[in-house]
């Protein structure tokens, strides 16, 4: 019996996310890749007040936002946004 050819899976690409919030107590990344608030990713605060994290993602298009001290915030660095069902916008990250 001949085994079907397997398509090689493209490697995940590391993506950097950051948010400037010098007075915030916590910043979390949430999106379709975290099942939104189900598995948020905590960002680490840098000395300059910017919060950062890196996430490995497969190729694709992802919608996300930040939770800053529990409040939904857009990514001010992201120019691509789409409306969400709550009357606000999600930021979009395209990974190739």
Protein backbone atom coordinates (compact mmCIF):
# COMPACT_ATOMS: atom_id res chain seq x y z
CA UNK A 1 0.00 0.00 0.00
CA UNK A 2 1.31 3.43 -0.94
CA UNK A 3 1.17 6.06 1.79
CA UNK A 4 -0.23 9.49 0.78
CA UNK A 5 2.30 12.28 0.56
CA UNK A 6 2.25 14.56 3.54
CA UNK A 7 2.39 18.27 2.90
CA UNK A 8 5.20 19.76 4.95
CA UNK A 9 3.85 22.06 7.62
CA UNK A 10 5.24 25.56 7.40
CA UNK A 11 7.14 26.55 10.53
CA UNK A 12 5.57 28.94 12.98
CA UNK A 13 6.80 32.51 12.83
CA UNK A 14 7.65 34.46 15.95
CA UNK A 15 5.59 37.64 16.21
CA UNK A 16 6.39 40.52 18.55
CA UNK A 17 3.57 42.44 20.26
CA UNK A 18 4.03 45.57 22.35
CA UNK A 19 1.90 48.18 24.07
CA UNK A 20 3.00 51.40 25.75
CA UNK A 21 1.28 51.81 29.12
CA UNK A 22 3.75 53.12 31.73
CA UNK A 23 1.16 53.32 34.54
CA UNK A 24 -0.64 50.02 33.83
CA UNK A 25 -0.59 47.19 36.35
CA UNK A 26 -1.14 44.47 33.71
CA UNK A 27 -1.31 44.14 29.94
CA UNK A 28 -2.55 40.96 28.26
CA UNK A 29 -2.75 39.97 24.62
CA UNK A 30 -6.03 38.34 23.58
CA UNK A 31 -7.20 37.25 20.16
CA UNK A 32 -8.59 34.45 18.09
CA UNK A 33 -5.26 32.61 18.59
CA UNK A 34 -5.81 32.68 22.40
CA UNK A 35 -9.55 31.95 22.19
CA UNK A 36 -9.86 35.55 23.36
CA UNK A 37 -10.13 35.80 27.16
CA UNK A 38 -9.90 32.01 27.60
CA UNK A 39 -6.06 31.90 27.30
CA UNK A 40 -4.69 35.47 27.50
CA UNK A 41 -0.95 36.03 27.11
CA UNK A 42 0.66 38.29 29.72
CA UNK A 43 3.08 40.92 28.46
CA UNK A 44 6.19 41.83 30.47
CA UNK A 45 6.76 45.44 31.47
CA UNK A 46 10.01 47.01 30.29
CA UNK A 47 11.86 49.82 32.10
CA UNK A 48 10.57 52.38 29.58
CA UNK A 49 6.90 51.53 30.32
CA UNK A 50 6.36 49.46 27.17
CA UNK A 51 4.92 45.99 27.65
CA UNK A 52 6.19 43.23 25.33
CA UNK A 53 5.73 39.58 24.39
CA UNK A 54 6.52 37.25 21.50
CA UNK A 55 4.15 34.62 20.15
CA UNK A 56 4.80 31.88 17.58
CA UNK A 57 1.98 31.76 15.02
CA UNK A 58 1.29 29.70 11.91
CA UNK A 59 0.81 31.53 8.61
CA UNK A 60 -2.61 33.17 8.52
CA UNK A 61 -4.65 36.20 9.52
CA UNK A 62 -5.31 36.85 13.20
CA UNK A 63 -7.58 39.29 15.05
CA UNK A 64 -6.47 40.57 18.46
CA UNK A 65 -6.72 43.29 21.12
CA UNK A 66 -5.00 44.13 24.37
CA UNK A 67 -6.53 44.02 27.85
CA UNK A 68 -4.93 46.86 29.81
CA UNK A 69 -5.91 46.69 33.48
CA UNK A 70 -9.03 44.80 32.34
CA UNK A 71 -10.05 47.33 29.64
CA UNK A 72 -10.15 46.43 25.94
CA UNK A 73 -7.63 48.49 23.94
CA UNK A 74 -6.69 48.60 20.25
CA UNK A 75 -3.08 48.22 19.16
CA UNK A 76 -2.06 51.82 18.30
CA UNK A 77 0.82 50.46 16.16
CA UNK A 78 -1.52 48.44 13.93
CA UNK A 79 -3.02 50.15 10.88
CA UNK A 80 -5.18 47.20 9.76
CA UNK A 81 -8.43 46.92 11.78
CA UNK A 82 -11.78 45.24 11.29
CA UNK A 83 -15.11 45.91 13.01
CA UNK A 84 -16.11 43.43 15.69
CA UNK A 85 -19.63 42.47 16.88
CA UNK A 86 -19.35 44.78 19.90
CA UNK A 87 -19.25 48.04 17.92
CA UNK A 88 -15.49 48.40 18.27
CA UNK A 89 -12.53 47.22 16.21
CA UNK A 90 -10.03 44.36 16.33
CA UNK A 91 -6.46 44.78 15.22
CA UNK A 92 -5.33 42.39 12.46
CA UNK A 93 -1.95 40.64 12.17
CA UNK A 94 -1.11 38.84 8.93
CA UNK A 95 1.61 36.18 9.19
CA UNK A 96 3.07 34.94 5.89
